[in-house]
N, C-alpha and C. Protein backbone atom coordinates (compact mmCIF):
# COMPACT_ATOMS: atom_id res chain seq x y z
N MET A 1 -10.84 6.96 -5.12
CA MET A 1 -9.77 6.12 -4.62
C MET A 1 -9.36 5.06 -5.66
N GLY A 2 -10.35 4.53 -6.37
CA GLY A 2 -10.05 3.49 -7.34
C GLY A 2 -9.08 3.94 -8.41
N SER A 3 -9.21 5.18 -8.86
CA SER A 3 -8.30 5.67 -9.89
C SER A 3 -6.89 5.86 -9.32
N LEU A 4 -6.78 6.26 -8.07
CA LEU A 4 -5.46 6.39 -7.44
C LEU A 4 -4.76 5.03 -7.40
N VAL A 5 -5.52 4.00 -7.04
CA VAL A 5 -4.94 2.66 -6.95
C VAL A 5 -4.54 2.15 -8.32
N SER A 6 -5.40 2.34 -9.31
CA SER A 6 -5.11 1.79 -10.64
C SER A 6 -4.03 2.58 -11.39
N GLU A 7 -3.86 3.85 -11.07
CA GLU A 7 -2.89 4.69 -11.78
C GLU A 7 -1.48 4.65 -11.20
N ASN A 8 -1.31 4.03 -10.04
CA ASN A 8 0.00 4.00 -9.39
C ASN A 8 0.44 2.56 -9.19
N ALA A 9 1.69 2.27 -9.57
CA ALA A 9 2.21 0.91 -9.38
C ALA A 9 2.21 0.54 -7.90
N VAL A 10 2.54 1.51 -7.04
CA VAL A 10 2.53 1.30 -5.60
C VAL A 10 1.95 2.55 -4.95
N ILE A 11 0.96 2.34 -4.08
CA ILE A 11 0.40 3.44 -3.33
C ILE A 11 0.21 2.99 -1.89
N VAL A 12 0.53 3.89 -0.98
CA VAL A 12 0.40 3.63 0.45
C VAL A 12 -0.67 4.56 1.00
N PHE A 13 -1.66 3.98 1.64
CA PHE A 13 -2.69 4.75 2.34
C PHE A 13 -2.40 4.64 3.82
N GLY A 14 -2.32 5.79 4.49
CA GLY A 14 -2.03 5.75 5.92
C GLY A 14 -2.61 6.94 6.64
N SER A 15 -2.74 6.80 7.94
CA SER A 15 -3.21 7.90 8.76
C SER A 15 -2.16 8.99 8.80
N ARG A 16 -2.60 10.22 8.75
CA ARG A 16 -1.68 11.36 8.77
C ARG A 16 -0.80 11.30 10.02
N GLY A 17 0.50 11.34 9.82
CA GLY A 17 1.45 11.36 10.92
C GLY A 17 1.74 10.00 11.52
N CYS A 18 1.24 8.92 10.93
CA CYS A 18 1.44 7.56 11.46
C CYS A 18 2.88 7.11 11.23
N CYS A 19 3.53 6.67 12.29
CA CYS A 19 4.93 6.23 12.17
C CYS A 19 5.05 4.96 11.34
N MET A 20 4.04 4.10 11.37
CA MET A 20 4.09 2.87 10.59
C MET A 20 4.03 3.18 9.09
N SER A 21 3.26 4.17 8.71
CA SER A 21 3.21 4.60 7.31
C SER A 21 4.57 5.12 6.88
N HIS A 22 5.23 5.83 7.78
CA HIS A 22 6.57 6.35 7.50
C HIS A 22 7.55 5.19 7.27
N VAL A 23 7.46 4.15 8.07
CA VAL A 23 8.33 2.98 7.93
C VAL A 23 8.10 2.31 6.58
N VAL A 24 6.83 2.15 6.19
CA VAL A 24 6.50 1.55 4.89
C VAL A 24 7.11 2.37 3.76
N LYS A 25 6.93 3.67 3.83
CA LYS A 25 7.46 4.55 2.78
C LYS A 25 8.99 4.47 2.72
N ARG A 26 9.65 4.47 3.88
CA ARG A 26 11.12 4.41 3.90
C ARG A 26 11.64 3.09 3.35
N LEU A 27 10.95 1.99 3.66
CA LEU A 27 11.37 0.70 3.14
C LEU A 27 11.28 0.68 1.62
N LEU A 28 10.16 1.15 1.10
CA LEU A 28 9.97 1.18 -0.35
C LEU A 28 10.98 2.11 -1.03
N LEU A 29 11.20 3.28 -0.45
CA LEU A 29 12.19 4.21 -1.00
C LEU A 29 13.58 3.58 -1.00
N GLY A 30 13.90 2.85 0.06
CA GLY A 30 15.19 2.17 0.16
C GLY A 30 15.39 1.12 -0.91
N LEU A 31 14.30 0.57 -1.40
CA LEU A 31 14.38 -0.43 -2.48
C LEU A 31 14.40 0.21 -3.86
N GLY A 32 14.22 1.54 -3.91
CA GLY A 32 14.22 2.23 -5.19
C GLY A 32 12.84 2.51 -5.75
N VAL A 33 11.81 2.28 -4.94
CA VAL A 33 10.43 2.53 -5.35
C VAL A 33 10.02 3.89 -4.81
N ASN A 34 9.37 4.67 -5.66
CA ASN A 34 8.85 5.96 -5.21
C ASN A 34 7.32 5.84 -5.12
N PRO A 35 6.82 5.37 -3.96
CA PRO A 35 5.39 5.12 -3.87
C PRO A 35 4.58 6.40 -3.78
N ALA A 36 3.38 6.35 -4.33
CA ALA A 36 2.43 7.43 -4.07
C ALA A 36 1.97 7.24 -2.62
N VAL A 37 1.74 8.32 -1.93
CA VAL A 37 1.30 8.25 -0.54
C VAL A 37 0.05 9.09 -0.38
N TYR A 38 -0.97 8.48 0.20
CA TYR A 38 -2.23 9.18 0.45
C TYR A 38 -2.44 9.18 1.96
N GLU A 39 -2.32 10.37 2.56
CA GLU A 39 -2.49 10.50 4.01
C GLU A 39 -3.94 10.82 4.32
N VAL A 40 -4.50 10.08 5.27
CA VAL A 40 -5.91 10.19 5.63
C VAL A 40 -6.03 10.86 6.99
N ASP A 41 -6.91 11.86 7.07
CA ASP A 41 -7.21 12.48 8.37
C ASP A 41 -7.99 11.49 9.22
N GLU A 42 -7.78 11.55 10.51
CA GLU A 42 -8.41 10.61 11.43
C GLU A 42 -9.93 10.57 11.27
N LYS A 43 -10.54 11.71 11.02
CA LYS A 43 -11.99 11.77 10.89
C LYS A 43 -12.50 11.06 9.64
N ASP A 44 -11.61 10.83 8.66
CA ASP A 44 -11.98 10.18 7.41
C ASP A 44 -11.57 8.71 7.34
N ASP A 45 -10.93 8.20 8.40
CA ASP A 45 -10.41 6.82 8.38
C ASP A 45 -11.45 5.80 7.96
N ALA A 46 -12.60 5.78 8.60
CA ALA A 46 -13.62 4.75 8.33
C ALA A 46 -14.12 4.83 6.89
N ARG A 47 -14.34 6.03 6.40
CA ARG A 47 -14.84 6.20 5.04
C ARG A 47 -13.82 5.70 4.02
N VAL A 48 -12.55 6.04 4.22
CA VAL A 48 -11.51 5.62 3.28
C VAL A 48 -11.31 4.11 3.33
N VAL A 49 -11.33 3.52 4.52
CA VAL A 49 -11.21 2.07 4.64
C VAL A 49 -12.34 1.39 3.88
N GLU A 50 -13.55 1.90 4.02
CA GLU A 50 -14.70 1.33 3.31
C GLU A 50 -14.52 1.41 1.80
N GLU A 51 -14.04 2.56 1.31
CA GLU A 51 -13.81 2.72 -0.12
C GLU A 51 -12.73 1.76 -0.62
N LEU A 52 -11.66 1.59 0.16
CA LEU A 52 -10.58 0.69 -0.25
C LEU A 52 -11.05 -0.76 -0.27
N GLU A 53 -11.93 -1.13 0.66
CA GLU A 53 -12.48 -2.48 0.66
C GLU A 53 -13.32 -2.73 -0.59
N LEU A 54 -14.03 -1.71 -1.05
CA LEU A 54 -14.86 -1.85 -2.24
C LEU A 54 -14.03 -2.01 -3.52
N ILE A 55 -12.82 -1.47 -3.51
CA ILE A 55 -11.95 -1.59 -4.69
C ILE A 55 -11.69 -3.05 -5.00
N GLY A 56 -11.59 -3.87 -3.97
CA GLY A 56 -11.38 -5.30 -4.15
C GLY A 56 -12.65 -6.07 -4.38
N ASN A 57 -13.72 -5.39 -4.81
CA ASN A 57 -15.02 -6.01 -5.07
C ASN A 57 -15.54 -6.80 -3.86
N GLY A 58 -15.25 -6.28 -2.68
CA GLY A 58 -15.74 -6.92 -1.47
C GLY A 58 -14.86 -8.05 -0.95
N LYS A 59 -13.85 -8.47 -1.74
CA LYS A 59 -12.97 -9.55 -1.31
C LYS A 59 -12.11 -9.13 -0.12
N ASP A 60 -11.87 -7.85 0.00
CA ASP A 60 -10.98 -7.36 1.05
C ASP A 60 -11.74 -6.86 2.28
N ARG A 61 -13.00 -7.20 2.40
CA ARG A 61 -13.82 -6.73 3.52
C ARG A 61 -13.16 -7.16 4.84
N GLY A 62 -12.91 -6.17 5.67
CA GLY A 62 -12.28 -6.43 6.96
C GLY A 62 -10.78 -6.61 6.90
N MET A 63 -10.19 -6.56 5.71
CA MET A 63 -8.76 -6.79 5.55
C MET A 63 -7.95 -5.50 5.50
N VAL A 64 -8.62 -4.39 5.24
CA VAL A 64 -7.91 -3.13 5.07
C VAL A 64 -7.75 -2.44 6.42
N GLN A 65 -6.50 -2.13 6.72
CA GLN A 65 -6.19 -1.30 7.87
C GLN A 65 -4.93 -0.51 7.52
N PHE A 66 -4.75 0.60 8.17
CA PHE A 66 -3.63 1.48 7.83
C PHE A 66 -2.37 1.07 8.56
N PRO A 67 -1.21 1.18 7.91
CA PRO A 67 -1.04 1.54 6.52
C PRO A 67 -1.44 0.40 5.59
N ALA A 68 -2.07 0.75 4.49
CA ALA A 68 -2.50 -0.22 3.49
C ALA A 68 -1.69 0.01 2.22
N VAL A 69 -1.04 -1.04 1.75
CA VAL A 69 -0.19 -0.95 0.58
C VAL A 69 -0.88 -1.66 -0.59
N PHE A 70 -1.02 -0.95 -1.69
CA PHE A 70 -1.55 -1.52 -2.91
C PHE A 70 -0.41 -1.60 -3.91
N ILE A 71 -0.21 -2.78 -4.48
CA ILE A 71 0.83 -2.99 -5.48
C ILE A 71 0.16 -3.54 -6.73
N GLY A 72 0.40 -2.90 -7.85
CA GLY A 72 -0.18 -3.36 -9.11
C GLY A 72 -1.70 -3.35 -9.12
N GLY A 73 -2.28 -2.42 -8.41
CA GLY A 73 -3.73 -2.27 -8.39
C GLY A 73 -4.47 -3.16 -7.43
N SER A 74 -3.76 -3.98 -6.66
CA SER A 74 -4.39 -4.89 -5.70
C SER A 74 -3.87 -4.64 -4.30
N LEU A 75 -4.74 -4.91 -3.32
CA LEU A 75 -4.30 -4.79 -1.94
C LEU A 75 -3.21 -5.80 -1.67
N PHE A 76 -2.05 -5.33 -1.22
CA PHE A 76 -0.95 -6.21 -0.89
C PHE A 76 -0.98 -6.56 0.59
N GLY A 77 -1.25 -5.55 1.41
CA GLY A 77 -1.30 -5.76 2.86
C GLY A 77 -0.74 -4.56 3.59
N GLY A 78 -0.36 -4.79 4.82
CA GLY A 78 0.18 -3.74 5.65
C GLY A 78 1.67 -3.91 5.88
N LEU A 79 2.16 -3.25 6.91
CA LEU A 79 3.58 -3.28 7.21
C LEU A 79 4.08 -4.70 7.48
N ASP A 80 3.30 -5.49 8.19
CA ASP A 80 3.74 -6.85 8.53
C ASP A 80 3.96 -7.71 7.28
N ARG A 81 3.03 -7.64 6.33
CA ARG A 81 3.19 -8.44 5.10
C ARG A 81 4.33 -7.89 4.26
N LEU A 82 4.45 -6.56 4.19
CA LEU A 82 5.52 -5.95 3.41
C LEU A 82 6.88 -6.38 3.96
N MET A 83 7.04 -6.33 5.27
CA MET A 83 8.32 -6.71 5.89
C MET A 83 8.61 -8.19 5.70
N ALA A 84 7.60 -9.04 5.90
CA ALA A 84 7.81 -10.49 5.75
C ALA A 84 8.20 -10.83 4.32
N THR A 85 7.55 -10.19 3.37
CA THR A 85 7.84 -10.45 1.96
C THR A 85 9.23 -9.93 1.59
N HIS A 86 9.61 -8.81 2.16
CA HIS A 86 10.95 -8.26 1.92
C HIS A 86 12.02 -9.19 2.49
N ILE A 87 11.81 -9.64 3.72
CA ILE A 87 12.80 -10.50 4.38
C ILE A 87 12.95 -11.82 3.62
N SER A 88 11.86 -12.35 3.08
CA SER A 88 11.93 -13.62 2.36
C SER A 88 12.53 -13.46 0.96
N GLY A 89 12.71 -12.21 0.51
CA GLY A 89 13.28 -11.96 -0.82
C GLY A 89 12.26 -11.94 -1.94
N GLU A 90 10.98 -12.01 -1.59
CA GLU A 90 9.93 -12.06 -2.61
C GLU A 90 9.43 -10.68 -3.03
N LEU A 91 9.74 -9.64 -2.27
CA LEU A 91 9.17 -8.32 -2.53
C LEU A 91 9.69 -7.70 -3.83
N VAL A 92 10.97 -7.73 -4.06
CA VAL A 92 11.54 -7.09 -5.25
C VAL A 92 10.95 -7.66 -6.54
N PRO A 93 10.84 -8.98 -6.69
CA PRO A 93 10.20 -9.49 -7.91
C PRO A 93 8.74 -9.03 -8.07
N ILE A 94 8.02 -8.95 -6.97
CA ILE A 94 6.63 -8.47 -7.02
C ILE A 94 6.59 -7.02 -7.48
N LEU A 95 7.49 -6.21 -6.97
CA LEU A 95 7.56 -4.80 -7.36
C LEU A 95 7.96 -4.65 -8.83
N LYS A 96 8.87 -5.50 -9.29
CA LYS A 96 9.26 -5.46 -10.70
C LYS A 96 8.10 -5.84 -11.60
N GLN A 97 7.36 -6.86 -11.23
CA GLN A 97 6.21 -7.31 -12.02
C GLN A 97 5.14 -6.21 -12.09
N ALA A 98 5.00 -5.42 -11.02
CA ALA A 98 4.00 -4.36 -11.00
C ALA A 98 4.47 -3.11 -11.74
N GLY A 99 5.73 -3.08 -12.15
CA GLY A 99 6.26 -1.92 -12.87
C GLY A 99 6.77 -0.82 -11.96
N ALA A 100 7.01 -1.17 -10.70
CA ALA A 100 7.50 -0.17 -9.75
C ALA A 100 9.03 -0.13 -9.73
N LEU A 101 9.66 -1.17 -10.22
CA LEU A 101 11.13 -1.24 -10.31
C LEU A 101 11.51 -1.69 -11.71
N TRP A 102 12.60 -1.17 -12.20
CA TRP A 102 13.03 -1.53 -13.55
C TRP A 102 14.33 -2.31 -13.56
N LEU A 103 15.07 -2.29 -12.48
CA LEU A 103 16.37 -2.97 -12.44
C LEU A 103 16.27 -4.37 -11.93
């Protein structure tokens, strides 16, 4: 999981078939970002959440839930944080800084 996070400017981890993951992906696509998407089977949810928490060296313990958005190699948050940041106008500069947008 760590290499997936570090190799992609934006990656979305979500449960397979989750509508919230779909919303996150559509929002990012609408902004011109082509995020990597990693769909997790329900039986693997706990294991993947644990691995994602370890990526943050334990700082993200209890903070990861699906959909989980990583921007620039760090946990950004879920749909609520993504939407709030987008509405405030702060999301595009963050995406540009991470190398996910060039314009």
